[in-house]
């Protein structure tokens, strides 16, 4: 039986050289071996393949047998594959190719797809996979190493991370245009406690921010709150007159422009927060992730929705 595991690159190189130069002597000179060494490589190749690779032609020149032509064609395909492999390895090593998993809190879904599309144009050989979830889910994904990079508000204490400031992230109170509080001039913050508040689920960064804000102005007094699991549902509920909401300004840019929602003027609002790009401090980023991180940081928040 042929022994493919015993075939070496030296044997294939010797075969290709003899086919190109016609004699073992000239082939040996070309690949810097002695003629006996080339002869040995060819003999071992023939033994491993259980077939002769060469024959002497009428002109005295060494020619490939049918089996030799088949082996040489395969050797050249192997060479092409190896060259492609080496280029791919170099691309991975230098950060020009690879897979980067990016986690974004759900509020960021209003700009994250456009950001990923931009990265695809800038780095066509780097695949950026986007994961969207609430704050706790993205922190858990970072902790489990399911994402390499994450975009969120205040960086968590755990896992230990390194963060880069991307840009501002203001939060405001929205109402329907015909709501009694939608009037000129500032609104007494205590008046908000008499309204039905519509908030995100527990664990959401927006819910945490809303709770802290209302607890501060109400000094712990209770208030009516309806929980909804998405910003889109909250916006539609506010437009329908179900209540008011504290929400990221970046999620309501279009509705504010169109007049479907109104931002209340309340002392202490908007609450100025920031977007951060972060990764685990105890993990070395891949070369591709480093390039993506550097590029996103260099954009300085220009991809964030503008009011």
C-alpha atoms as a PDB file:
ATOM      1  CA  UNK A   1       0.000   0.000   0.000  1.00  0.00           C
ATOM      2  CA  UNK A   2       1.220   3.542  -0.710  1.00  0.00           C
ATOM      3  CA  UNK A   3       2.401   5.416   2.375  1.00  0.00           C
ATOM      4  CA  UNK A   4       1.264   9.057   2.147  1.00  0.00           C
ATOM      5  CA  UNK A   5       2.567   9.758   5.659  1.00  0.00           C
ATOM      6  CA  UNK A   6       6.095   8.888   4.465  1.00  0.00           C
ATOM      7  CA  UNK A   7       6.070  11.368   1.583  1.00  0.00           C
ATOM      8  CA  UNK A   8       8.130  14.492   2.296  1.00  0.00           C
ATOM      9  CA  UNK A   9       8.408  17.908   0.748  1.00  0.00           C
ATOM     10  CA  UNK A  10      12.002  17.091  -0.180  1.00  0.00           C
ATOM     11  CA  UNK A  11      10.803  14.176  -2.311  1.00  0.00           C
ATOM     12  CA  UNK A  12       8.187  16.318  -4.067  1.00  0.00           C
ATOM     13  CA  UNK A  13      10.687  19.126  -4.535  1.00  0.00           C
ATOM     14  CA  UNK A  14      13.151  16.716  -6.148  1.00  0.00           C
ATOM     15  CA  UNK A  15      10.457  15.422  -8.524  1.00  0.00           C
ATOM     16  CA  UNK A  16       9.476  18.945  -9.563  1.00  0.00           C
ATOM     17  CA  UNK A  17      13.113  19.929 -10.145  1.00  0.00           C
ATOM     18  CA  UNK A  18      13.841  16.920 -12.366  1.00  0.00           C
ATOM     19  CA  UNK A  19      10.668  17.564 -14.371  1.00  0.00           C
ATOM     20  CA  UNK A  20      11.740  21.191 -14.866  1.00  0.00           C
ATOM     21  CA  UNK A  21      15.452  20.688 -15.669  1.00  0.00           C
ATOM     22  CA  UNK A  22      15.345  17.274 -17.362  1.00  0.00           C
ATOM     23  CA  UNK A  23      18.287  15.637 -15.586  1.00  0.00           C
ATOM     24  CA  UNK A  24      19.102  14.685 -12.032  1.00  0.00           C
ATOM     25  CA  UNK A  25      22.407  16.557 -12.217  1.00  0.00           C
ATOM     26  CA  UNK A  26      20.859  19.872 -13.246  1.00  0.00           C
ATOM     27  CA  UNK A  27      17.999  19.399 -10.792  1.00  0.00           C
ATOM     28  CA  UNK A  28      20.505  18.795  -7.985  1.00  0.00           C
ATOM     29  CA  UNK A  29      22.340  22.024  -8.842  1.00  0.00           C
ATOM     30  CA  UNK A  30      19.073  23.979  -8.867  1.00  0.00           C
ATOM     31  CA  UNK A  31      17.924  22.801  -5.436  1.00  0.00           C
ATOM     32  CA  UNK A  32      21.447  22.690  -3.977  1.00  0.00           C
ATOM     33  CA  UNK A  33      21.670  18.979  -3.327  1.00  0.00           C
ATOM     34  CA  UNK A  34      24.033  16.326  -4.629  1.00  0.00           C
ATOM     35  CA  UNK A  35      22.846  14.089  -7.479  1.00  0.00           C
ATOM     36  CA  UNK A  36      22.919  11.012  -5.182  1.00  0.00           C
ATOM     37  CA  UNK A  37      20.708  12.897  -2.668  1.00  0.00           C
ATOM     38  CA  UNK A  38      18.189  13.737  -5.401  1.00  0.00           C
ATOM     39  CA  UNK A  39      18.282  10.153  -6.626  1.00  0.00           C
ATOM     40  CA  UNK A  40      17.582   8.955  -3.073  1.00  0.00           C
ATOM     41  CA  UNK A  41      14.598  11.287  -2.695  1.00  0.00           C
ATOM     42  CA  UNK A  42      13.127  10.077  -5.983  1.00  0.00           C
ATOM     43  CA  UNK A  43      13.677   6.433  -5.097  1.00  0.00           C
ATOM     44  CA  UNK A  44      11.971   6.887  -1.707  1.00  0.00           C
ATOM     45  CA  UNK A  45       9.053   8.674  -3.387  1.00  0.00           C
ATOM     46  CA  UNK A  46       8.626   5.822  -5.865  1.00  0.00           C
ATOM     47  CA  UNK A  47       8.751   3.275  -3.050  1.00  0.00           C
ATOM     48  CA  UNK A  48       6.204   5.195  -0.991  1.00  0.00           C
ATOM     49  CA  UNK A  49       3.836   5.571  -3.955  1.00  0.00           C
ATOM     50  CA  UNK A  50       4.472   2.010  -5.216  1.00  0.00           C
ATOM     51  CA  UNK A  51       4.920   3.407  -8.740  1.00  0.00           C
ATOM     52  CA  UNK A  52       7.678   4.867 -10.905  1.00  0.00           C
ATOM     53  CA  UNK A  53       7.567   8.636 -11.146  1.00  0.00           C
ATOM     54  CA  UNK A  54      10.070   9.133 -13.992  1.00  0.00           C
ATOM     55  CA  UNK A  55      11.307   7.492 -17.163  1.00  0.00           C
ATOM     56  CA  UNK A  56      14.015   8.426 -19.644  1.00  0.00           C
ATOM     57  CA  UNK A  57      12.607   9.862 -22.852  1.00  0.00           C
ATOM     58  CA  UNK A  58      13.879   9.335 -26.398  1.00  0.00           C
ATOM     59  CA  UNK A  59      15.896  12.529 -26.168  1.00  0.00           C
ATOM     60  CA  UNK A  60      17.621  11.339 -23.014  1.00  0.00           C
ATOM     61  CA  UNK A  61      15.700  13.821 -20.904  1.00  0.00           C
ATOM     62  CA  UNK A  62      13.904  12.540 -17.780  1.00  0.00           C
ATOM     63  CA  UNK A  63      10.139  12.640 -18.219  1.00  0.00           C
ATOM     64  CA  UNK A  64       7.222  12.113 -15.866  1.00  0.00           C
ATOM     65  CA  UNK A  65       5.212   8.943 -16.031  1.00  0.00           C
ATOM     66  CA  UNK A  66       1.425   9.210 -15.828  1.00  0.00           C
ATOM     67  CA  UNK A  67       1.742   8.514 -12.103  1.00  0.00           C
ATOM     68  CA  UNK A  68       4.447  11.158 -11.818  1.00  0.00           C
ATOM     69  CA  UNK A  69       2.279  13.786 -13.497  1.00  0.00           C
ATOM     70  CA  UNK A  70      -0.544  13.010 -11.064  1.00  0.00           C
ATOM     71  CA  UNK A  71       1.787  13.290  -8.057  1.00  0.00           C
ATOM     72  CA  UNK A  72       3.357  16.530  -9.305  1.00  0.00           C
ATOM     73  CA  UNK A  73      -0.051  18.104  -9.936  1.00  0.00           C
ATOM     74  CA  UNK A  74      -1.052  17.226  -6.366  1.00  0.00           C
ATOM     75  CA  UNK A  75       2.261  18.582  -5.042  1.00  0.00           C
ATOM     76  CA  UNK A  76       1.623  21.904  -6.758  1.00  0.00           C
ATOM     77  CA  UNK A  77      -1.871  22.088  -5.271  1.00  0.00           C
ATOM     78  CA  UNK A  78      -0.364  21.407  -1.863  1.00  0.00           C
ATOM     79  CA  UNK A  79       2.145  24.185  -2.436  1.00  0.00           C
ATOM     80  CA  UNK A  80      -0.616  26.609  -3.377  1.00  0.00           C
ATOM     81  CA  UNK A  81      -2.636  25.659  -0.295  1.00  0.00           C
ATOM     82  CA  UNK A  82       0.389  26.135   1.942  1.00  0.00           C
ATOM     83  CA  UNK A  83       1.115  29.538   0.446  1.00  0.00           C
ATOM     84  CA  UNK A  84      -2.509  30.552   1.021  1.00  0.00           C
ATOM     85  CA  UNK A  85      -2.311  29.198   4.561  1.00  0.00           C
ATOM     86  CA  UNK A  86       0.827  31.203   5.293  1.00  0.00           C
ATOM     87  CA  UNK A  87      -0.810  34.379   4.030  1.00  0.00           C
ATOM     88  CA  UNK A  88      -3.874  33.682   6.192  1.00  0.00           C
ATOM     89  CA  UNK A  89      -1.720  33.052   9.246  1.00  0.00           C
ATOM     90  CA  UNK A  90       0.124  36.309   8.620  1.00  0.00           C
ATOM     91  CA  UNK A  91      -3.189  38.145   8.278  1.00  0.00           C
ATOM     92  CA  UNK A  92      -4.385  36.722  11.602  1.00  0.00           C
ATOM     93  CA  UNK A  93      -1.071  37.509  13.272  1.00  0.00           C
ATOM     94  CA  UNK A  94      -1.066  41.106  12.044  1.00  0.00           C
ATOM     95  CA  UNK A  95      -4.760  41.722  12.759  1.00  0.00           C
ATOM     96  CA  UNK A  96      -5.878  42.024   9.141  1.00  0.00           C
ATOM     97  CA  UNK A  97      -8.245  39.053   9.476  1.00  0.00           C
ATOM     98  CA  UNK A  98     -10.044  37.160  12.199  1.00  0.00           C
ATOM     99  CA  UNK A  99     -13.216  37.029  14.262  1.00  0.00           C
ATOM    100  CA  UNK A 100     -14.130  39.666  16.845  1.00  0.00           C
ATOM    101  CA  UNK A 101     -17.173  39.239  19.089  1.00  0.00           C
ATOM    102  CA  UNK A 102     -18.658  42.561  20.171  1.00  0.00           C
ATOM    103  CA  UNK A 103     -21.256  42.806  22.935  1.00  0.00           C
ATOM    104  CA  UNK A 104     -23.498  45.880  23.129  1.00  0.00           C
ATOM    105  CA  UNK A 105     -26.155  46.740  25.711  1.00  0.00           C
ATOM    106  CA  UNK A 106     -29.633  46.897  24.210  1.00  0.00           C
ATOM    107  CA  UNK A 107     -29.763  50.701  24.225  1.00  0.00           C
ATOM    108  CA  UNK A 108     -26.832  50.606  21.830  1.00  0.00           C
ATOM    109  CA  UNK A 109     -28.789  48.703  19.182  1.00  0.00           C
ATOM    110  CA  UNK A 110     -29.752  52.085  17.703  1.00  0.00           C
ATOM    111  CA  UNK A 111     -26.181  52.657  16.536  1.00  0.00           C
ATOM    112  CA  UNK A 112     -24.395  49.288  16.849  1.00  0.00           C
ATOM    113  CA  UNK A 113     -25.547  47.782  13.497  1.00  0.00           C
ATOM    114  CA  UNK A 114     -24.354  50.869  11.612  1.00  0.00           C
ATOM    115  CA  UNK A 115     -21.062  50.715  13.500  1.00  0.00           C
ATOM    116  CA  UNK A 116     -20.577  47.033  12.587  1.00  0.00           C
ATOM    117  CA  UNK A 117     -21.399  47.816   8.937  1.00  0.00           C
ATOM    118  CA  UNK A 118     -18.793  50.566   9.018  1.00  0.00           C
ATOM    119  CA  UNK A 119     -16.213  48.176  10.468  1.00  0.00           C
ATOM    120  CA  UNK A 120     -17.024  45.655   7.739  1.00  0.00           C
ATOM    121  CA  UNK A 121     -16.236  48.281   5.101  1.00  0.00           C
ATOM    122  CA  UNK A 122     -13.026  49.318   6.832  1.00  0.00           C
ATOM    123  CA  UNK A 123     -11.865  45.771   7.640  1.00  0.00           C
ATOM    124  CA  UNK A 124     -13.463  43.415   5.097  1.00  0.00           C
ATOM    125  CA  UNK A 125     -11.425  40.408   6.261  1.00  0.00           C
ATOM    126  CA  UNK A 126     -12.329  40.826   9.944  1.00  0.00           C
ATOM    127  CA  UNK A 127     -15.703  39.361  10.883  1.00  0.00           C
ATOM    128  CA  UNK A 128     -17.400  41.280  13.693  1.00  0.00           C
ATOM    129  CA  UNK A 129     -20.166  39.324  15.426  1.00  0.00           C
ATOM    130  CA  UNK A 130     -22.664  41.482  17.332  1.00  0.00           C
ATOM    131  CA  UNK A 131     -24.376  40.359  20.546  1.00  0.00           C
ATOM    132  CA  UNK A 132     -27.079  42.578  22.051  1.00  0.00           C
ATOM    133  CA  UNK A 133     -28.465  42.186  25.578  1.00  0.00           C
ATOM    134  CA  UNK A 134     -29.211  44.097  28.733  1.00  0.00           C
ATOM    135  CA  UNK A 135     -26.411  45.226  30.995  1.00  0.00           C
ATOM    136  CA  UNK A 136     -26.326  42.062  33.119  1.00  0.00           C
ATOM    137  CA  UNK A 137     -26.344  39.842  30.036  1.00  0.00           C
ATOM    138  CA  UNK A 138     -23.426  41.656  28.405  1.00  0.00           C
ATOM    139  CA  UNK A 139     -21.433  41.639  31.645  1.00  0.00           C
ATOM    140  CA  UNK A 140     -22.103  37.892  31.922  1.00  0.00           C
ATOM    141  CA  UNK A 141     -20.982  37.378  28.320  1.00  0.00           C
ATOM    142  CA  UNK A 142     -17.791  39.326  29.030  1.00  0.00           C
ATOM    143  CA  UNK A 143     -17.220  37.321  32.202  1.00  0.00           C
ATOM    144  CA  UNK A 144     -17.709  34.035  30.291  1.00  0.00           C
ATOM    145  CA  UNK A 145     -15.415  35.246  27.496  1.00  0.00           C
ATOM    146  CA  UNK A 146     -18.260  34.969  25.001  1.00  0.00           C
ATOM    147  CA  UNK A 147     -17.427  38.483  23.777  1.00  0.00           C
ATOM    148  CA  UNK A 148     -14.013  40.119  23.485  1.00  0.00           C
ATOM    149  CA  UNK A 149     -15.154  43.728  23.409  1.00  0.00           C
ATOM    150  CA  UNK A 150     -18.229  45.370  24.939  1.00  0.00           C
ATOM    151  CA  UNK A 151     -19.935  48.740  24.603  1.00  0.00           C
ATOM    152  CA  UNK A 152     -21.961  49.874  27.600  1.00  0.00           C
ATOM    153  CA  UNK A 153     -22.352  52.634  30.131  1.00  0.00           C
ATOM    154  CA  UNK A 154     -20.515  52.607  33.458  1.00  0.00           C
ATOM    155  CA  UNK A 155     -17.885  49.828  33.360  1.00  0.00           C
ATOM    156  CA  UNK A 156     -18.625  47.008  35.827  1.00  0.00           C
ATOM    157  CA  UNK A 157     -16.419  46.202  38.797  1.00  0.00           C
ATOM    158  CA  UNK A 158     -16.218  42.585  37.734  1.00  0.00           C
ATOM    159  CA  UNK A 159     -14.771  41.163  35.656  1.00  0.00           C
ATOM    160  CA  UNK A 160     -11.755  43.452  35.857  1.00  0.00           C
ATOM    161  CA  UNK A 161     -11.646  45.462  32.676  1.00  0.00           C
ATOM    162  CA  UNK A 162      -9.920  48.162  30.724  1.00  0.00           C
ATOM    163  CA  UNK A 163     -12.210  50.833  29.301  1.00  0.00           C
ATOM    164  CA  UNK A 164     -12.008  53.626  26.748  1.00  0.00           C
ATOM    165  CA  UNK A 165     -14.410  56.574  26.750  1.00  0.00           C
ATOM    166  CA  UNK A 166     -16.355  56.721  23.487  1.00  0.00           C
ATOM    167  CA  UNK A 167     -18.720  59.661  23.946  1.00  0.00           C
ATOM    168  CA  UNK A 168     -21.635  61.152  25.890  1.00  0.00           C
ATOM    169  CA  UNK A 169     -24.794  59.221  26.673  1.00  0.00           C
ATOM    170  CA  UNK A 170     -27.519  61.570  27.965  1.00  0.00           C
ATOM    171  CA  UNK A 171     -30.802  60.344  29.499  1.00  0.00           C
ATOM    172  CA  UNK A 172     -34.029  62.340  29.691  1.00  0.00           C
ATOM    173  CA  UNK A 173     -37.709  62.105  30.590  1.00  0.00           C
ATOM    174  CA  UNK A 174     -40.098  61.730  27.639  1.00  0.00           C
ATOM    175  CA  UNK A 175     -43.846  62.215  27.381  1.00  0.00           C
ATOM    176  CA  UNK A 176     -46.493  62.275  24.693  1.00  0.00           C
ATOM    177  CA  UNK A 177     -46.900  65.742  23.091  1.00  0.00           C
ATOM    178  CA  UNK A 178     -50.370  66.187  24.631  1.00  0.00           C
ATOM    179  CA  UNK A 179     -49.323  65.189  28.147  1.00  0.00           C
ATOM    180  CA  UNK A 180     -50.065  67.842  30.820  1.00  0.00           C
ATOM    181  CA  UNK A 181     -46.359  68.007  31.765  1.00  0.00           C
ATOM    182  CA  UNK A 182     -45.385  68.711  28.134  1.00  0.00           C
ATOM    183  CA  UNK A 183     -45.336  72.462  28.586  1.00  0.00           C
ATOM    184  CA  UNK A 184     -42.882  75.297  28.342  1.00  0.00           C
ATOM    185  CA  UNK A 185     -40.662  75.889  31.305  1.00  0.00           C
ATOM    186  CA  UNK A 186     -39.159  73.530  33.846  1.00  0.00           C
ATOM    187  CA  UNK A 187     -41.159  70.776  35.509  1.00  0.00           C
ATOM    188  CA  UNK A 188     -41.028  70.271  39.285  1.00  0.00           C
ATOM    189  CA  UNK A 189     -39.167  66.962  39.709  1.00  0.00           C
ATOM    190  CA  UNK A 190     -41.611  65.939  42.461  1.00  0.00           C
ATOM    191  CA  UNK A 191     -44.430  66.058  39.911  1.00  0.00           C
ATOM    192  CA  UNK A 192     -42.860  63.069  38.185  1.00  0.00           C
ATOM    193  CA  UNK A 193     -43.638  60.880  41.193  1.00  0.00           C
ATOM    194  CA  UNK A 194     -47.370  61.376  40.591  1.00  0.00           C
ATOM    195  CA  UNK A 195     -47.112  59.922  37.101  1.00  0.00           C
ATOM    196  CA  UNK A 196     -46.960  56.340  35.912  1.00  0.00           C
ATOM    197  CA  UNK A 197     -43.317  55.610  35.132  1.00  0.00           C
ATOM    198  CA  UNK A 198     -42.498  53.121  32.402  1.00  0.00           C
ATOM    199  CA  UNK A 199     -39.132  51.461  32.890  1.00  0.00           C
ATOM    200  CA  UNK A 200     -36.907  48.708  31.605  1.00  0.00           C
ATOM    201  CA  UNK A 201     -36.511  45.354  33.330  1.00  0.00           C
ATOM    202  CA  UNK A 202     -34.447  44.855  36.477  1.00  0.00           C
ATOM    203  CA  UNK A 203     -30.760  44.614  35.603  1.00  0.00           C
ATOM    204  CA  UNK A 204     -30.998  47.134  32.795  1.00  0.00           C
ATOM    205  CA  UNK A 205     -28.637  50.082  33.070  1.00  0.00           C
ATOM    206  CA  UNK A 206     -31.514  52.446  32.246  1.00  0.00           C
ATOM    207  CA  UNK A 207     -33.659  50.944  35.021  1.00  0.00           C
ATOM    208  CA  UNK A 208     -30.820  51.385  37.520  1.00  0.00           C
ATOM    209  CA  UNK A 209     -30.425  55.023  36.465  1.00  0.00           C
ATOM    210  CA  UNK A 210     -34.182  55.705  36.679  1.00  0.00           C
ATOM    211  CA  UNK A 211     -34.435  54.146  40.141  1.00  0.00           C
ATOM    212  CA  UNK A 212     -31.557  56.203  41.492  1.00  0.00           C
ATOM    213  CA  UNK A 213     -32.928  59.420  40.012  1.00  0.00           C
ATOM    214  CA  UNK A 214     -36.461  58.918  41.371  1.00  0.00           C
ATOM    215  CA  UNK A 215     -35.225  57.760  44.769  1.00  0.00           C
ATOM    216  CA  UNK A 216     -33.131  60.905  45.003  1.00  0.00           C
ATOM    217  CA  UNK A 217     -35.903  63.356  44.140  1.00  0.00           C
ATOM    218  CA  UNK A 218     -38.579  61.432  46.078  1.00  0.00           C
ATOM    219  CA  UNK A 219     -36.399  60.593  49.085  1.00  0.00           C
ATOM    220  CA  UNK A 220     -37.641  57.010  48.975  1.00  0.00           C
ATOM    221  CA  UNK A 221     -41.335  57.714  48.391  1.00  0.00           C
ATOM    222  CA  UNK A 222     -43.103  55.019  46.313  1.00  0.00           C
ATOM    223  CA  UNK A 223     -44.172  55.599  42.723  1.00  0.00           C
ATOM    224  CA  UNK A 224     -46.140  53.675  40.131  1.00  0.00           C
ATOM    225  CA  UNK A 225     -43.896  51.833  37.650  1.00  0.00           C
ATOM    226  CA  UNK A 226     -44.700  49.577  34.723  1.00  0.00           C
ATOM    227  CA  UNK A 227     -41.905  47.319  33.501  1.00  0.00           C
ATOM    228  CA  UNK A 228     -41.325  46.722  29.799  1.00  0.00           C
ATOM    229  CA  UNK A 229     -38.512  44.746  28.213  1.00  0.00           C
ATOM    230  CA  UNK A 230     -37.582  46.947  25.255  1.00  0.00           C
ATOM    231  CA  UNK A 231     -37.061  50.600  24.445  1.00  0.00           C
ATOM    232  CA  UNK A 232     -39.340  50.299  21.414  1.00  0.00           C
ATOM    233  CA  UNK A 233     -42.238  49.117  23.570  1.00  0.00           C
ATOM    234  CA  UNK A 234     -41.583  51.888  26.080  1.00  0.00           C
ATOM    235  CA  UNK A 235     -41.633  54.529  23.353  1.00  0.00           C
ATOM    236  CA  UNK A 236     -44.904  53.262  21.945  1.00  0.00           C
ATOM    237  CA  UNK A 237     -46.436  53.145  25.431  1.00  0.00           C
ATOM    238  CA  UNK A 238     -45.437  56.750  26.091  1.00  0.00           C
ATOM    239  CA  UNK A 239     -46.773  57.879  22.698  1.00  0.00           C
ATOM    240  CA  UNK A 240     -50.066  56.145  23.552  1.00  0.00           C
ATOM    241  CA  UNK A 241     -50.303  58.086  26.828  1.00  0.00           C
ATOM    242  CA  UNK A 242     -49.718  55.152  29.166  1.00  0.00           C
ATOM    243  CA  UNK A 243     -47.117  57.042  31.173  1.00  0.00           C
ATOM    244  CA  UNK A 244     -43.754  58.803  31.084  1.00  0.00           C
ATOM    245  CA  UNK A 245     -40.270  57.315  30.901  1.00  0.00           C
ATOM    246  CA  UNK A 246     -36.663  58.031  31.628  1.00  0.00           C
ATOM    247  CA  UNK A 247     -34.807  56.810  28.575  1.00  0.00           C
ATOM    248  CA  UNK A 248     -31.579  57.162  26.633  1.00  0.00           C
ATOM    249  CA  UNK A 249     -31.668  60.177  24.354  1.00  0.00           C
ATOM    250  CA  UNK A 250     -29.999  58.062  21.690  1.00  0.00           C
ATOM    251  CA  UNK A 251     -33.080  55.836  21.466  1.00  0.00           C
ATOM    252  CA  UNK A 252     -35.575  58.659  20.747  1.00  0.00           C
ATOM    253  CA  UNK A 253     -33.754  60.948  18.312  1.00  0.00           C
ATOM    254  CA  UNK A 254     -36.156  60.281  15.437  1.00  0.00           C
ATOM    255  CA  UNK A 255     -39.289  60.580  17.584  1.00  0.00           C
ATOM    256  CA  UNK A 256     -38.127  63.881  19.080  1.00  0.00           C
ATOM    257  CA  UNK A 257     -37.372  65.284  15.620  1.00  0.00           C
ATOM    258  CA  UNK A 258     -40.784  64.166  14.336  1.00  0.00           C
ATOM    259  CA  UNK A 259     -42.647  65.545  17.359  1.00  0.00           C
ATOM    260  CA  UNK A 260     -44.071  62.162  18.364  1.00  0.00           C
ATOM    261  CA  UNK A 261     -42.369  62.529  21.736  1.00  0.00           C
ATOM    262  CA  UNK A 262     -41.396  65.493  23.895  1.00  0.00           C
ATOM    263  CA  UNK A 263     -38.412  65.773  26.241  1.00  0.00           C
ATOM    264  CA  UNK A 264     -39.355  67.405  29.541  1.00  0.00           C
ATOM    265  CA  UNK A 265     -37.306  70.221  30.987  1.00  0.00           C
ATOM    266  CA  UNK A 266     -36.556  68.974  34.487  1.00  0.00           C
ATOM    267  CA  UNK A 267     -33.846  70.237  36.851  1.00  0.00           C
ATOM    268  CA  UNK A 268     -31.090  67.655  36.917  1.00  0.00           C
ATOM    269  CA  UNK A 269     -31.886  66.392  33.428  1.00  0.00           C
ATOM    270  CA  UNK A 270     -30.588  65.251  31.106  1.00  0.00           C
ATOM    271  CA  UNK A 271     -28.538  62.884  33.210  1.00  0.00           C
ATOM    272  CA  UNK A 272     -25.131  62.859  31.586  1.00  0.00           C
ATOM    273  CA  UNK A 273     -23.611  59.437  31.302  1.00  0.00           C
ATOM    274  CA  UNK A 274     -21.061  58.088  28.845  1.00  0.00           C
ATOM    275  CA  UNK A 275     -20.498  55.176  26.499  1.00  0.00           C
ATOM    276  CA  UNK A 276     -17.416  53.033  27.062  1.00  0.00           C
ATOM    277  CA  UNK A 277     -15.632  50.389  25.021  1.00  0.00           C
ATOM    278  CA  UNK A 278     -14.105  47.786  27.297  1.00  0.00           C
ATOM    279  CA  UNK A 279     -12.474  44.389  27.472  1.00  0.00           C
ATOM    280  CA  UNK A 280     -11.202  42.075  30.169  1.00  0.00           C
ATOM    281  CA  UNK A 281      -7.916  43.191  31.708  1.00  0.00           C
ATOM    282  CA  UNK A 282      -6.757  39.613  32.251  1.00  0.00           C
ATOM    283  CA  UNK A 283      -7.171  38.557  28.617  1.00  0.00           C
ATOM    284  CA  UNK A 284      -4.836  39.498  25.793  1.00  0.00           C
ATOM    285  CA  UNK A 285      -6.855  40.735  22.839  1.00  0.00           C
ATOM    286  CA  UNK A 286      -6.296  39.101  19.490  1.00  0.00           C
ATOM    287  CA  UNK A 287      -4.571  41.221  16.864  1.00  0.00           C
ATOM    288  CA  UNK A 288      -7.897  41.677  15.057  1.00  0.00           C
ATOM    289  CA  UNK A 289      -9.651  42.761  18.270  1.00  0.00           C
ATOM    290  CA  UNK A 290      -6.865  45.265  18.933  1.00  0.00           C
ATOM    291  CA  UNK A 291      -7.375  46.801  15.479  1.00  0.00           C
ATOM    292  CA  UNK A 292     -11.145  47.018  15.988  1.00  0.00           C
ATOM    293  CA  UNK A 293     -10.738  48.521  19.461  1.00  0.00           C
ATOM    294  CA  UNK A 294      -8.254  51.108  18.215  1.00  0.00           C
ATOM    295  CA  UNK A 295     -10.457  52.058  15.272  1.00  0.00           C
ATOM    296  CA  UNK A 296     -13.661  52.390  17.302  1.00  0.00           C
ATOM    297  CA  UNK A 297     -11.868  54.422  19.969  1.00  0.00           C
ATOM    298  CA  UNK A 298     -10.433  56.680  17.265  1.00  0.00           C
ATOM    299  CA  UNK A 299     -13.926  57.497  15.992  1.00  0.00           C
ATOM    300  CA  UNK A 300     -14.471  59.410  19.273  1.00  0.00           C
ATOM    301  CA  UNK A 301     -18.205  58.742  19.308  1.00  0.00           C
ATOM    302  CA  UNK A 302     -18.887  60.115  15.828  1.00  0.00           C
ATOM    303  CA  UNK A 303     -21.115  57.066  15.200  1.00  0.00           C
ATOM    304  CA  UNK A 304     -23.451  57.963  18.090  1.00  0.00           C
ATOM    305  CA  UNK A 305     -26.903  59.371  17.192  1.00  0.00           C
ATOM    306  CA  UNK A 306     -26.904  63.153  17.005  1.00  0.00           C
ATOM    307  CA  UNK A 307     -29.792  65.228  18.362  1.00  0.00           C
END
